Amino acid sequence: MQTLIRLRIEKCIEGNQEYFIATSNDLQGLVAEGKTIKEAIKIAEDVAKVLLDLGRKNNYAPV
């Protein structure tokens, strides 16, 4: 089963470093950072899986 989660991706720049932050209003606690949008999305997928698994183990549906 797949769960669709909308991501909000923000571009951040500190000094000369550019990076991207992915968050979601659909899944509380989801925050991921990557050097590229693709990397931020991949990390967000991994974080979402962990959060959803924790929710299932604790009988809590975060989505």
C-alpha atoms as a PDB file:
ATOM      1  CA  MET A   1       0.000   0.000   0.000  1.00  0.00           C
ATOM      2  CA  GLN A   2       1.253   3.461  -0.851  1.00  0.00           C
ATOM      3  CA  THR A   3       0.451   6.621   1.028  1.00  0.00           C
ATOM      4  CA  LEU A   4       0.582   9.904  -0.850  1.00  0.00           C
ATOM      5  CA  ILE A   5       2.051  12.762   1.140  1.00  0.00           C
ATOM      6  CA  ARG A   6       2.321  16.287  -0.203  1.00  0.00           C
ATOM      7  CA  LEU A   7       5.728  17.855   0.307  1.00  0.00           C
ATOM      8  CA  ARG A   8       6.648  21.497   0.564  1.00  0.00           C
ATOM      9  CA  ILE A   9      10.177  22.107  -0.652  1.00  0.00           C
ATOM     10  CA  GLU A  10      12.030  25.291   0.176  1.00  0.00           C
ATOM     11  CA  LYS A  11      15.305  26.426  -1.304  1.00  0.00           C
ATOM     12  CA  CYS A  12      17.705  27.789   1.307  1.00  0.00           C
ATOM     13  CA  ILE A  13      21.027  29.547   0.889  1.00  0.00           C
ATOM     14  CA  GLU A  14      23.559  30.101   3.660  1.00  0.00           C
ATOM     15  CA  GLY A  15      26.782  31.708   2.579  1.00  0.00           C
ATOM     16  CA  ASN A  16      27.527  30.090  -0.764  1.00  0.00           C
ATOM     17  CA  GLN A  17      25.807  26.822   0.178  1.00  0.00           C
ATOM     18  CA  GLU A  18      22.457  25.991  -1.418  1.00  0.00           C
ATOM     19  CA  TYR A  19      20.244  23.264   0.031  1.00  0.00           C
ATOM     20  CA  PHE A  20      16.597  22.209   0.100  1.00  0.00           C
ATOM     21  CA  ILE A  21      14.251  21.505   3.012  1.00  0.00           C
ATOM     22  CA  ALA A  22      11.218  19.227   2.571  1.00  0.00           C
ATOM     23  CA  THR A  23       8.349  19.348   5.060  1.00  0.00           C
ATOM     24  CA  SER A  24       4.746  18.182   5.027  1.00  0.00           C
ATOM     25  CA  ASN A  25       1.511  19.280   6.632  1.00  0.00           C
ATOM     26  CA  ASP A  26       0.216  15.772   5.888  1.00  0.00           C
ATOM     27  CA  LEU A  27       2.672  14.009   8.209  1.00  0.00           C
ATOM     28  CA  GLN A  28       3.643  15.641  11.480  1.00  0.00           C
ATOM     29  CA  GLY A  29       7.377  15.559  12.138  1.00  0.00           C
ATOM     30  CA  LEU A  30       8.495  15.106   8.545  1.00  0.00           C
ATOM     31  CA  VAL A  31      11.527  17.282   7.893  1.00  0.00           C
ATOM     32  CA  ALA A  32      14.257  16.380   5.407  1.00  0.00           C
ATOM     33  CA  GLU A  33      17.248  18.273   4.068  1.00  0.00           C
ATOM     34  CA  GLY A  34      19.209  17.615   0.896  1.00  0.00           C
ATOM     35  CA  LYS A  35      21.764  19.267  -1.359  1.00  0.00           C
ATOM     36  CA  THR A  36      19.352  18.863  -4.285  1.00  0.00           C
ATOM     37  CA  ILE A  37      15.574  18.662  -4.606  1.00  0.00           C
ATOM     38  CA  LYS A  38      15.892  15.012  -5.604  1.00  0.00           C
ATOM     39  CA  GLU A  39      17.984  14.229  -2.519  1.00  0.00           C
ATOM     40  CA  ALA A  40      15.537  16.067  -0.218  1.00  0.00           C
ATOM     41  CA  ILE A  41      12.633  14.076  -1.678  1.00  0.00           C
ATOM     42  CA  LYS A  42      14.481  10.762  -1.264  1.00  0.00           C
ATOM     43  CA  ILE A  43      15.314  11.543   2.364  1.00  0.00           C
ATOM     44  CA  ALA A  44      11.706  12.677   2.943  1.00  0.00           C
ATOM     45  CA  GLU A  45      10.482   9.300   1.618  1.00  0.00           C
ATOM     46  CA  ASP A  46      12.754   7.492   4.084  1.00  0.00           C
ATOM     47  CA  VAL A  47      11.650   9.700   6.988  1.00  0.00           C
ATOM     48  CA  ALA A  48       7.978   9.226   6.044  1.00  0.00           C
ATOM     49  CA  LYS A  49       8.380   5.432   6.079  1.00  0.00           C
ATOM     50  CA  VAL A  50       9.863   5.569   9.574  1.00  0.00           C
ATOM     51  CA  LEU A  51       7.158   7.907  10.872  1.00  0.00           C
ATOM     52  CA  LEU A  52       4.369   5.809   9.354  1.00  0.00           C
ATOM     53  CA  ASP A  53       5.848   2.582  10.761  1.00  0.00           C
ATOM     54  CA  LEU A  54       6.094   4.154  14.219  1.00  0.00           C
ATOM     55  CA  GLY A  55       2.505   5.318  13.928  1.00  0.00           C
ATOM     56  CA  ARG A  56       1.301   1.818  13.010  1.00  0.00           C
ATOM     57  CA  LYS A  57       3.219   0.233  15.889  1.00  0.00           C
ATOM     58  CA  ASN A  58       1.637   2.699  18.319  1.00  0.00           C
ATOM     59  CA  ASN A  59      -1.844   2.424  16.754  1.00  0.00           C
ATOM     60  CA  TYR A  60      -1.675   6.025  15.638  1.00  0.00           C
ATOM     61  CA  ALA A  61      -2.500   7.095  12.107  1.00  0.00           C
ATOM     62  CA  PRO A  62      -0.500  10.302  11.512  1.00  0.00           C
ATOM     63  CA  VAL A  63      -1.845  10.758   7.979  1.00  0.00           C
END
